[in-house]
């Protein structure tokens, strides 16, 4: 089955994986926990800029003399949080975060902010699922669920 790329330059919810191949971190919970508890890599980063397409936080911290790691599919297609490779890349880099380092990130904004409520249909009663008949809503849900397990 061919890959289906869901990318546009102005979209903050992207993947290069077919939905049926999306990484389900919940199914790998014990493996993830064991990996993250395992030996730490050499501390390197003062900040991990997670899902910041512009990498502005990384730029600011680098300017102040810190090493940083920016993770976003818009700047690197291998940073696809819906893929196993993207997820494990983030885990490996996170192990290089300095003690008391900062992870600065958030979910794909466009499908969580109130202004797009007519599309995502999230509400007080339905905060996390939204209109799951929409691919982009399912994708943002997967990214957020995977990120929380990280």
N, C-alpha and C. Protein backbone atom coordinates (compact mmCIF):
# COMPACT_ATOMS: atom_id res chain seq x y z
N UNK A 1 0.83 -1.17 0.00
CA UNK A 1 0.00 0.00 0.00
C UNK A 1 0.89 1.25 0.00
N UNK A 2 0.68 2.21 -0.90
CA UNK A 2 1.55 3.39 -0.98
C UNK A 2 1.35 4.31 0.22
N UNK A 3 2.40 5.07 0.53
CA UNK A 3 2.31 6.07 1.59
C UNK A 3 1.38 7.18 1.14
N UNK A 4 0.64 7.71 2.06
CA UNK A 4 -0.19 8.87 1.77
C UNK A 4 0.33 10.03 2.58
N UNK A 5 0.81 11.03 1.93
CA UNK A 5 1.37 12.19 2.61
C UNK A 5 0.26 13.19 2.87
N UNK A 6 0.15 13.62 4.09
CA UNK A 6 -0.85 14.61 4.47
C UNK A 6 -0.09 15.86 4.86
N UNK A 7 0.37 16.62 3.91
CA UNK A 7 1.20 17.78 4.21
C UNK A 7 0.80 18.97 3.36
N UNK A 8 0.71 20.10 4.01
CA UNK A 8 0.66 21.38 3.31
C UNK A 8 1.52 22.33 4.12
N UNK A 9 2.13 23.28 3.46
CA UNK A 9 3.07 24.16 4.14
C UNK A 9 2.45 24.95 5.29
N UNK A 10 1.18 25.28 5.22
CA UNK A 10 0.58 26.11 6.25
C UNK A 10 -0.19 25.29 7.29
N UNK A 11 -0.05 24.00 7.28
CA UNK A 11 -0.80 23.13 8.18
C UNK A 11 0.10 22.63 9.30
N UNK A 12 -0.37 22.73 10.55
CA UNK A 12 0.46 22.27 11.66
C UNK A 12 0.16 20.83 12.07
N UNK A 13 -0.75 20.17 11.37
CA UNK A 13 -1.05 18.76 11.65
C UNK A 13 -0.69 17.98 10.39
N UNK A 14 0.44 17.29 10.45
CA UNK A 14 0.94 16.61 9.26
C UNK A 14 1.45 15.21 9.59
N UNK A 15 1.47 14.37 8.57
CA UNK A 15 2.06 13.04 8.68
C UNK A 15 2.52 12.61 7.30
N UNK A 16 3.39 11.63 7.28
CA UNK A 16 3.76 10.99 6.03
C UNK A 16 3.41 9.51 6.09
N UNK A 17 2.69 9.13 7.13
CA UNK A 17 2.27 7.74 7.33
C UNK A 17 0.79 7.57 6.99
N UNK A 18 0.47 6.41 6.48
CA UNK A 18 -0.95 6.08 6.34
C UNK A 18 -1.51 5.87 7.73
N UNK A 19 -2.76 6.20 7.91
CA UNK A 19 -3.37 6.10 9.23
C UNK A 19 -3.25 4.71 9.83
N UNK A 20 -3.40 3.67 9.05
CA UNK A 20 -3.31 2.31 9.58
C UNK A 20 -1.93 1.95 10.09
N UNK A 21 -0.92 2.77 9.74
CA UNK A 21 0.45 2.52 10.17
C UNK A 21 0.91 3.46 11.28
N UNK A 22 0.02 4.31 11.77
CA UNK A 22 0.39 5.25 12.82
C UNK A 22 0.87 4.48 14.05
N UNK A 23 1.90 5.00 14.67
CA UNK A 23 2.46 4.40 15.88
C UNK A 23 1.50 4.58 17.04
N UNK A 24 1.20 3.49 17.73
CA UNK A 24 0.31 3.54 18.89
C UNK A 24 1.16 3.33 20.13
N UNK A 25 1.58 4.42 20.73
CA UNK A 25 2.49 4.36 21.88
C UNK A 25 1.89 3.57 23.03
N UNK A 26 0.59 3.63 23.17
CA UNK A 26 -0.07 2.90 24.27
C UNK A 26 0.28 1.42 24.23
N UNK A 27 0.40 0.86 23.05
CA UNK A 27 0.72 -0.56 22.89
C UNK A 27 2.17 -0.86 23.23
N UNK A 28 2.98 0.17 23.39
CA UNK A 28 4.42 0.01 23.66
C UNK A 28 4.82 0.65 24.98
N UNK A 29 3.84 0.86 25.85
CA UNK A 29 4.06 1.59 27.11
C UNK A 29 5.25 1.05 27.91
N UNK A 30 5.32 -0.26 28.13
CA UNK A 30 6.40 -0.80 28.96
C UNK A 30 7.75 -0.66 28.27
N UNK A 31 7.78 -0.84 26.95
CA UNK A 31 9.02 -0.67 26.19
C UNK A 31 9.50 0.79 26.25
N UNK A 32 8.58 1.72 26.16
CA UNK A 32 8.90 3.15 26.22
C UNK A 32 9.44 3.51 27.60
N UNK A 33 8.74 3.07 28.63
CA UNK A 33 9.17 3.37 30.01
C UNK A 33 10.55 2.79 30.27
N UNK A 34 10.78 1.56 29.83
CA UNK A 34 12.09 0.92 30.03
C UNK A 34 13.19 1.70 29.30
N UNK A 35 12.91 2.12 28.08
CA UNK A 35 13.89 2.89 27.31
C UNK A 35 14.22 4.20 28.00
N UNK A 36 13.18 4.91 28.44
CA UNK A 36 13.39 6.22 29.05
C UNK A 36 14.06 6.11 30.43
N UNK A 37 13.83 5.00 31.14
CA UNK A 37 14.48 4.79 32.44
C UNK A 37 15.89 4.24 32.30
N UNK A 38 16.21 3.73 31.12
CA UNK A 38 17.52 3.13 30.88
C UNK A 38 18.63 4.15 30.99
N UNK A 39 19.84 3.73 30.69
CA UNK A 39 20.99 4.65 30.82
C UNK A 39 20.77 5.93 30.02
N UNK A 40 21.06 7.03 30.65
CA UNK A 40 20.89 8.33 30.01
C UNK A 40 22.06 8.60 29.08
N UNK A 41 21.79 9.21 27.97
CA UNK A 41 22.85 9.63 27.05
C UNK A 41 23.58 10.82 27.65
N UNK A 42 24.67 11.19 27.06
CA UNK A 42 25.40 12.37 27.51
C UNK A 42 24.48 13.58 27.43
N UNK A 43 24.39 14.32 28.52
CA UNK A 43 23.54 15.51 28.54
C UNK A 43 24.05 16.53 27.53
N UNK A 44 23.14 17.05 26.76
CA UNK A 44 23.54 17.93 25.67
C UNK A 44 22.65 19.17 25.57
N UNK A 45 21.34 18.97 25.61
CA UNK A 45 20.40 20.05 25.29
C UNK A 45 19.89 20.77 26.53
N UNK A 46 19.80 22.09 26.42
CA UNK A 46 19.16 22.89 27.46
C UNK A 46 17.65 22.93 27.24
N UNK A 47 17.23 22.75 26.00
CA UNK A 47 15.81 22.79 25.67
C UNK A 47 15.54 21.87 24.48
N UNK A 48 14.37 21.27 24.53
CA UNK A 48 13.83 20.56 23.37
C UNK A 48 12.61 21.37 22.94
N UNK A 49 12.63 21.82 21.73
CA UNK A 49 11.57 22.64 21.15
C UNK A 49 10.66 21.68 20.39
N UNK A 50 9.59 21.27 21.04
CA UNK A 50 8.71 20.22 20.53
C UNK A 50 7.49 20.80 19.81
N UNK A 51 7.34 20.47 18.56
CA UNK A 51 6.23 20.92 17.70
C UNK A 51 6.23 22.42 17.46
N UNK A 52 7.39 23.03 17.46
CA UNK A 52 7.50 24.45 17.17
C UNK A 52 8.02 24.61 15.76
N UNK A 53 7.14 24.64 14.80
CA UNK A 53 7.55 24.67 13.38
C UNK A 53 8.57 25.75 13.08
N UNK A 54 8.46 26.88 13.74
CA UNK A 54 9.39 27.99 13.49
C UNK A 54 10.71 27.79 14.24
N UNK A 55 10.73 26.90 15.22
CA UNK A 55 11.90 26.65 16.08
C UNK A 55 12.38 27.93 16.77
N UNK A 56 11.46 28.84 17.04
CA UNK A 56 11.83 30.10 17.67
C UNK A 56 12.45 29.91 19.05
N UNK A 57 11.91 28.98 19.84
CA UNK A 57 12.49 28.75 21.16
C UNK A 57 13.93 28.27 21.02
N UNK A 58 14.17 27.36 20.10
CA UNK A 58 15.53 26.87 19.87
C UNK A 58 16.46 28.00 19.46
N UNK A 59 15.99 28.85 18.57
CA UNK A 59 16.82 29.97 18.10
C UNK A 59 17.20 30.91 19.25
N UNK A 60 16.23 31.20 20.09
CA UNK A 60 16.48 32.10 21.22
C UNK A 60 17.48 31.47 22.19
N UNK A 61 17.29 30.19 22.50
CA UNK A 61 18.20 29.52 23.44
C UNK A 61 19.59 29.37 22.84
N UNK A 62 19.67 29.06 21.55
CA UNK A 62 20.98 28.95 20.90
C UNK A 62 21.72 30.28 20.95
N UNK A 63 20.98 31.34 20.72
CA UNK A 63 21.57 32.68 20.76
C UNK A 63 22.14 32.98 22.16
N UNK A 64 21.53 32.37 23.19
CA UNK A 64 22.00 32.56 24.57
C UNK A 64 23.11 31.56 24.93
N UNK A 65 23.51 30.73 23.95
CA UNK A 65 24.63 29.84 24.17
C UNK A 65 24.29 28.39 24.53
N UNK A 66 23.04 28.01 24.47
CA UNK A 66 22.62 26.65 24.80
C UNK A 66 22.52 25.79 23.54
N UNK A 67 22.78 24.51 23.68
CA UNK A 67 22.48 23.57 22.59
C UNK A 67 21.01 23.20 22.71
N UNK A 68 20.37 23.04 21.55
CA UNK A 68 18.93 22.76 21.54
C UNK A 68 18.62 21.65 20.54
N UNK A 69 17.42 21.12 20.65
CA UNK A 69 16.93 20.16 19.67
C UNK A 69 15.51 20.56 19.32
N UNK A 70 15.28 20.82 18.04
CA UNK A 70 13.94 21.18 17.57
C UNK A 70 13.34 19.98 16.87
N UNK A 71 12.12 19.64 17.25
CA UNK A 71 11.43 18.47 16.70
C UNK A 71 10.11 18.91 16.10
N UNK A 72 10.02 18.88 14.79
CA UNK A 72 8.77 19.23 14.10
C UNK A 72 8.84 18.68 12.68
N UNK A 73 7.79 18.06 12.24
CA UNK A 73 7.73 17.46 10.90
C UNK A 73 7.93 18.51 9.81
N UNK A 74 7.57 19.76 10.08
CA UNK A 74 7.71 20.79 9.07
C UNK A 74 9.17 21.11 8.76
N UNK A 75 10.05 20.88 9.73
CA UNK A 75 11.46 21.15 9.49
C UNK A 75 12.25 19.87 9.18
N UNK A 76 11.68 18.72 9.51
CA UNK A 76 12.35 17.45 9.23
C UNK A 76 11.29 16.36 9.08
N UNK A 77 11.11 15.81 7.88
CA UNK A 77 10.08 14.79 7.66
C UNK A 77 10.24 13.56 8.56
N UNK A 78 11.45 13.33 9.07
CA UNK A 78 11.64 12.18 9.97
C UNK A 78 11.13 12.47 11.38
N UNK A 79 10.68 13.68 11.63
CA UNK A 79 10.11 14.04 12.93
C UNK A 79 8.59 13.91 12.89
N UNK A 80 8.12 12.84 12.31
CA UNK A 80 6.69 12.55 12.18
C UNK A 80 6.25 11.80 13.43
N UNK A 81 5.54 12.47 14.31
CA UNK A 81 5.14 11.86 15.59
C UNK A 81 4.13 10.74 15.41
N UNK A 82 3.54 10.62 14.24
CA UNK A 82 2.62 9.51 14.02
C UNK A 82 3.36 8.24 13.62
N UNK A 83 4.66 8.35 13.35
CA UNK A 83 5.44 7.18 12.94
C UNK A 83 6.28 6.66 14.10
N UNK A 84 6.56 5.37 14.08
CA UNK A 84 7.43 4.77 15.10
C UNK A 84 8.81 5.42 15.05
N UNK A 85 9.33 5.62 13.85
CA UNK A 85 10.67 6.22 13.72
C UNK A 85 10.71 7.61 14.33
N UNK A 86 9.72 8.42 14.06
CA UNK A 86 9.67 9.76 14.62
C UNK A 86 9.58 9.74 16.14
N UNK A 87 8.74 8.86 16.66
CA UNK A 87 8.57 8.76 18.10
C UNK A 87 9.88 8.36 18.78
N UNK A 88 10.53 7.31 18.25
CA UNK A 88 11.77 6.83 18.87
C UNK A 88 12.92 7.82 18.69
N UNK A 89 12.90 8.59 17.61
CA UNK A 89 13.89 9.66 17.44
C UNK A 89 13.74 10.67 18.57
N UNK A 90 12.52 11.06 18.85
CA UNK A 90 12.28 12.01 19.93
C UNK A 90 12.72 11.43 21.27
N UNK A 91 12.40 10.18 21.52
CA UNK A 91 12.81 9.54 22.78
C UNK A 91 14.33 9.56 22.94
N UNK A 92 15.04 9.19 21.88
CA UNK A 92 16.50 9.15 21.94
C UNK A 92 17.09 10.53 22.20
N UNK A 93 16.53 11.55 21.56
CA UNK A 93 17.04 12.91 21.76
C UNK A 93 16.66 13.43 23.14
N UNK A 94 15.51 13.05 23.63
CA UNK A 94 15.06 13.50 24.96
C UNK A 94 16.00 12.99 26.05
N UNK A 95 16.60 11.86 25.83
CA UNK A 95 17.54 11.33 26.82
C UNK A 95 18.81 12.17 26.91
N UNK A 96 18.98 13.10 25.98
CA UNK A 96 20.14 13.99 25.98
C UNK A 96 19.83 15.33 26.65
N UNK A 97 18.61 15.46 27.17
CA UNK A 97 18.22 16.71 27.83
C UNK A 97 18.98 16.85 29.15
N UNK A 98 19.52 18.02 29.38
CA UNK A 98 20.25 18.28 30.61
C UNK A 98 19.32 18.16 31.82
N UNK A 99 19.89 17.81 32.95
CA UNK A 99 19.12 17.83 34.20
C UNK A 99 18.56 19.23 34.38
N UNK A 100 17.30 19.31 34.68
CA UNK A 100 16.56 20.57 34.80
C UNK A 100 16.44 21.31 33.48
N UNK A 101 16.62 20.58 32.35
CA UNK A 101 16.39 21.16 31.03
C UNK A 101 14.89 21.33 30.81
N UNK A 102 14.54 21.95 29.74
CA UNK A 102 13.14 22.31 29.46
C UNK A 102 12.67 21.65 28.17
N UNK A 103 11.50 21.05 28.22
CA UNK A 103 10.82 20.63 27.00
C UNK A 103 9.70 21.64 26.80
N UNK A 104 9.77 22.36 25.70
CA UNK A 104 8.79 23.40 25.39
C UNK A 104 7.98 22.92 24.21
N UNK A 105 6.72 22.63 24.43
CA UNK A 105 5.92 22.14 23.32
C UNK A 105 4.44 22.15 23.61
N UNK A 106 3.71 21.80 22.61
CA UNK A 106 2.27 21.74 22.73
C UNK A 106 1.69 20.93 21.59
N UNK A 107 0.43 20.61 21.70
CA UNK A 107 -0.21 19.82 20.64
C UNK A 107 -0.39 20.66 19.38
N UNK A 108 -0.75 20.01 18.29
CA UNK A 108 -1.02 20.75 17.05
C UNK A 108 -2.12 21.79 17.29
N UNK A 109 -1.73 23.02 17.32
CA UNK A 109 -2.62 24.10 17.76
C UNK A 109 -3.91 24.23 16.97
N UNK A 110 -3.83 24.12 15.66
CA UNK A 110 -4.99 24.46 14.83
C UNK A 110 -6.20 23.59 15.15
N UNK A 111 -5.99 22.41 15.67
CA UNK A 111 -7.14 21.55 15.97
C UNK A 111 -7.45 21.49 17.46
N UNK A 112 -7.01 22.49 18.21
CA UNK A 112 -7.37 22.59 19.62
C UNK A 112 -7.89 23.97 19.99
N UNK A 113 -7.55 25.00 19.23
CA UNK A 113 -7.97 26.35 19.60
C UNK A 113 -9.46 26.56 19.30
N UNK A 114 -10.07 27.47 20.04
CA UNK A 114 -11.51 27.69 19.94
C UNK A 114 -11.94 28.16 18.57
N UNK A 115 -11.06 28.87 17.86
CA UNK A 115 -11.45 29.46 16.59
C UNK A 115 -11.74 28.39 15.52
N UNK A 116 -11.20 27.19 15.69
CA UNK A 116 -11.46 26.12 14.72
C UNK A 116 -12.47 25.10 15.26
N UNK A 117 -13.24 25.52 16.26
CA UNK A 117 -14.20 24.63 16.90
C UNK A 117 -15.22 24.06 15.90
N UNK A 118 -15.56 24.82 14.88
CA UNK A 118 -16.53 24.32 13.90
C UNK A 118 -15.99 23.12 13.14
N UNK A 119 -14.67 22.96 13.12
CA UNK A 119 -14.05 21.82 12.44
C UNK A 119 -13.78 20.69 13.42
N UNK A 120 -13.12 20.99 14.54
CA UNK A 120 -12.72 19.91 15.45
C UNK A 120 -13.83 19.45 16.38
N UNK A 121 -14.82 20.29 16.65
CA UNK A 121 -15.98 19.94 17.47
C UNK A 121 -15.60 19.52 18.90
N UNK A 122 -14.49 20.01 19.41
CA UNK A 122 -14.15 19.74 20.81
C UNK A 122 -15.01 20.63 21.68
N UNK A 123 -15.35 20.15 22.85
CA UNK A 123 -16.19 20.90 23.77
C UNK A 123 -15.79 20.56 25.20
N UNK A 124 -16.43 21.19 26.16
CA UNK A 124 -16.17 20.90 27.56
C UNK A 124 -16.39 19.41 27.83
N UNK A 125 -17.44 18.84 27.25
CA UNK A 125 -17.77 17.43 27.47
C UNK A 125 -16.92 16.50 26.60
N UNK A 126 -16.39 17.01 25.51
CA UNK A 126 -15.66 16.20 24.53
C UNK A 126 -14.31 16.85 24.24
N UNK A 127 -13.50 17.03 25.30
CA UNK A 127 -12.26 17.79 25.18
C UNK A 127 -11.21 17.12 24.31
N UNK A 128 -11.14 15.81 24.37
CA UNK A 128 -10.00 15.14 23.79
C UNK A 128 -10.28 14.44 22.46
N UNK A 129 -11.50 14.05 22.21
CA UNK A 129 -11.77 13.32 20.97
C UNK A 129 -12.14 14.25 19.83
N UNK A 130 -13.14 15.06 20.01
CA UNK A 130 -13.59 15.92 18.93
C UNK A 130 -14.28 15.10 17.85
N UNK A 131 -14.38 15.66 16.65
CA UNK A 131 -15.05 15.01 15.53
C UNK A 131 -14.09 14.02 14.87
N UNK A 132 -14.11 12.79 15.35
CA UNK A 132 -13.17 11.78 14.85
C UNK A 132 -13.53 11.24 13.47
N UNK A 133 -14.57 11.77 12.86
CA UNK A 133 -14.83 11.40 11.46
C UNK A 133 -13.84 12.13 10.55
N UNK A 134 -13.16 13.14 11.09
CA UNK A 134 -12.19 13.92 10.31
C UNK A 134 -10.77 13.39 10.54
N UNK A 135 -10.07 13.12 9.45
CA UNK A 135 -8.71 12.59 9.51
C UNK A 135 -7.79 13.47 10.35
N UNK A 136 -7.82 14.76 10.13
CA UNK A 136 -6.92 15.66 10.85
C UNK A 136 -7.18 15.66 12.35
N UNK A 137 -8.43 15.49 12.75
CA UNK A 137 -8.75 15.41 14.18
C UNK A 137 -8.20 14.11 14.75
N UNK A 138 -8.37 13.01 14.03
CA UNK A 138 -7.80 11.73 14.49
C UNK A 138 -6.29 11.83 14.57
N UNK A 139 -5.68 12.49 13.59
CA UNK A 139 -4.23 12.64 13.57
C UNK A 139 -3.76 13.46 14.76
N UNK A 140 -4.40 14.59 15.03
CA UNK A 140 -3.98 15.40 16.17
C UNK A 140 -4.20 14.64 17.47
N UNK A 141 -5.27 13.85 17.55
CA UNK A 141 -5.49 13.02 18.74
C UNK A 141 -4.36 12.03 18.93
N UNK A 142 -3.90 11.41 17.86
CA UNK A 142 -2.80 10.44 17.96
C UNK A 142 -1.51 11.12 18.40
N UNK A 143 -1.23 12.28 17.82
CA UNK A 143 -0.01 13.01 18.18
C UNK A 143 -0.03 13.37 19.67
N UNK A 144 -1.15 13.86 20.14
CA UNK A 144 -1.27 14.24 21.55
C UNK A 144 -1.18 13.01 22.45
N UNK A 145 -1.88 11.94 22.11
CA UNK A 145 -1.84 10.72 22.93
C UNK A 145 -0.43 10.15 23.00
N UNK A 146 0.27 10.14 21.88
CA UNK A 146 1.63 9.64 21.85
C UNK A 146 2.56 10.54 22.65
N UNK A 147 2.37 11.84 22.52
CA UNK A 147 3.19 12.79 23.27
C UNK A 147 3.02 12.66 24.77
N UNK A 148 1.80 12.38 25.22
CA UNK A 148 1.57 12.23 26.66
C UNK A 148 2.26 10.99 27.20
N UNK A 149 2.39 9.95 26.40
CA UNK A 149 3.09 8.75 26.87
C UNK A 149 4.58 8.97 26.91
N UNK A 150 5.05 9.89 26.09
CA UNK A 150 6.47 10.21 26.06
C UNK A 150 6.84 10.78 27.41
